[in-house]
C-alpha atoms as a PDB file:
ATOM      1  CA  MET A   1      -0.006   0.012   0.007  1.00  0.00           C
ATOM      2  CA  VAL A   2       1.185   3.514  -0.775  1.00  0.00           C
ATOM      3  CA  ILE A   3       1.318   5.500   2.431  1.00  0.00           C
ATOM      4  CA  SER A   4      -0.011   8.693   0.820  1.00  0.00           C
ATOM      5  CA  ASP A   5      -3.077   6.843  -0.522  1.00  0.00           C
ATOM      6  CA  TYR A   6      -3.854   5.474   2.936  1.00  0.00           C
ATOM      7  CA  TYR A   7      -3.399   8.946   4.444  1.00  0.00           C
ATOM      8  CA  SER A   8      -5.687  10.534   1.849  1.00  0.00           C
ATOM      9  CA  SER A   9      -8.413   8.024   2.634  1.00  0.00           C
ATOM     10  CA  LEU A  10      -8.563   9.040   6.314  1.00  0.00           C
ATOM     11  CA  GLU A  11     -10.952  11.529   7.892  1.00  0.00           C
ATOM     12  CA  ILE A  12      -9.499  14.638   9.546  1.00  0.00           C
ATOM     13  CA  LYS A  13      -9.512  13.192  13.109  1.00  0.00           C
ATOM     14  CA  GLN A  14      -8.005   9.922  11.854  1.00  0.00           C
ATOM     15  CA  LYS A  15      -5.272  11.874  10.045  1.00  0.00           C
ATOM     16  CA  SER A  16      -4.298  13.618  13.250  1.00  0.00           C
ATOM     17  CA  GLU A  17      -4.079  10.344  15.094  1.00  0.00           C
ATOM     18  CA  PHE A  18      -2.085   8.734  12.299  1.00  0.00           C
ATOM     19  CA  ILE A  19       0.384  11.646  12.180  1.00  0.00           C
ATOM     20  CA  LYS A  20       0.873  11.483  15.960  1.00  0.00           C
ATOM     21  CA  LYS A  21       1.583   7.746  15.834  1.00  0.00           C
ATOM     22  CA  VAL A  22       4.070   8.124  12.959  1.00  0.00           C
ATOM     23  CA  ILE A  23       5.890  11.055  14.607  1.00  0.00           C
ATOM     24  CA  GLU A  24       6.151   9.164  17.904  1.00  0.00           C
ATOM     25  CA  THR A  25       7.283   5.934  16.217  1.00  0.00           C
ATOM     26  CA  CYS A  26       9.786   7.409  13.767  1.00  0.00           C
ATOM     27  CA  GLY A  27      10.976  10.308  15.934  1.00  0.00           C
ATOM     28  CA  PHE A  28      10.702  13.200  13.555  1.00  0.00           C
ATOM     29  CA  SER A  29       8.900  16.549  13.542  1.00  0.00           C
ATOM     30  CA  TYR A  30       5.571  17.452  11.949  1.00  0.00           C
ATOM     31  CA  PRO A  31       7.215  19.454   9.157  1.00  0.00           C
ATOM     32  CA  THR A  32       9.479  16.463   8.379  1.00  0.00           C
ATOM     33  CA  PHE A  33       6.463  14.168   8.293  1.00  0.00           C
ATOM     34  CA  MET A  34       4.646  16.469   5.850  1.00  0.00           C
ATOM     35  CA  THR A  35       7.713  16.785   3.636  1.00  0.00           C
ATOM     36  CA  LYS A  36       8.197  13.002   3.555  1.00  0.00           C
ATOM     37  CA  MET A  37       4.502  12.510   2.870  1.00  0.00           C
ATOM     38  CA  ARG A  38       4.528  14.989   0.013  1.00  0.00           C
ATOM     39  CA  LYS A  39       7.713  13.578  -1.577  1.00  0.00           C
ATOM     40  CA  GLY A  40       7.178   9.928  -0.602  1.00  0.00           C
ATOM     41  CA  SER A  41      10.751   9.930   0.659  1.00  0.00           C
ATOM     42  CA  TRP A  42      10.459   7.342   3.471  1.00  0.00           C
ATOM     43  CA  SER A  43      13.490   5.294   4.403  1.00  0.00           C
ATOM     44  CA  LYS A  44      13.065   1.511   4.383  1.00  0.00           C
ATOM     45  CA  LEU A  45      12.757   1.375   8.173  1.00  0.00           C
ATOM     46  CA  GLU A  46      10.291   4.275   8.257  1.00  0.00           C
ATOM     47  CA  ARG A  47       8.200   2.605   5.589  1.00  0.00           C
ATOM     48  CA  GLU A  48       8.147  -0.695   7.508  1.00  0.00           C
ATOM     49  CA  ALA A  49       7.156   1.071  10.744  1.00  0.00           C
ATOM     50  CA  ILE A  50       4.401   3.076   9.039  1.00  0.00           C
ATOM     51  CA  GLU A  51       3.045  -0.006   7.246  1.00  0.00           C
ATOM     52  CA  ARG A  52       2.874  -1.725  10.661  1.00  0.00           C
ATOM     53  CA  ILE A  53       0.891   1.256  12.040  1.00  0.00           C
ATOM     54  CA  ILE A  54      -1.500   1.075   9.061  1.00  0.00           C
ATOM     55  CA  LYS A  55      -1.975  -2.681   9.554  1.00  0.00           C
ATOM     56  CA  GLU A  56      -2.674  -2.163  13.286  1.00  0.00           C
ATOM     57  CA  ASP A  57      -5.158   0.641  12.486  1.00  0.00           C
ATOM     58  CA  LYS A  58      -6.965  -1.457   9.916  1.00  0.00           C
ATOM     59  CA  HIS A  59      -7.109  -4.379  12.370  1.00  0.00           C
ATOM     60  CA  ALA A  60      -8.505  -2.072  15.079  1.00  0.00           C
ATOM     61  CA  ASP A  61     -11.210  -0.887  12.678  1.00  0.00           C
ATOM     62  CA  THR A  62     -12.430  -4.462  12.141  1.00  0.00           C
ATOM     63  CA  ASP A  63     -12.768  -5.207  15.863  1.00  0.00           C
END
């Protein structure tokens, strides 16, 4: 899954929660998050961590 596609599919409140989780997990600032989101410039480890967050969020939605 492309991270930006997932992010675009979220509602405003969900986007805020997603951003918070990613920032806490990856340890970068909000402006860095937005730059990486716009450019799609995630490192391999960042991408793996974010995909894990997405998987957990999708699993939580089905519960």
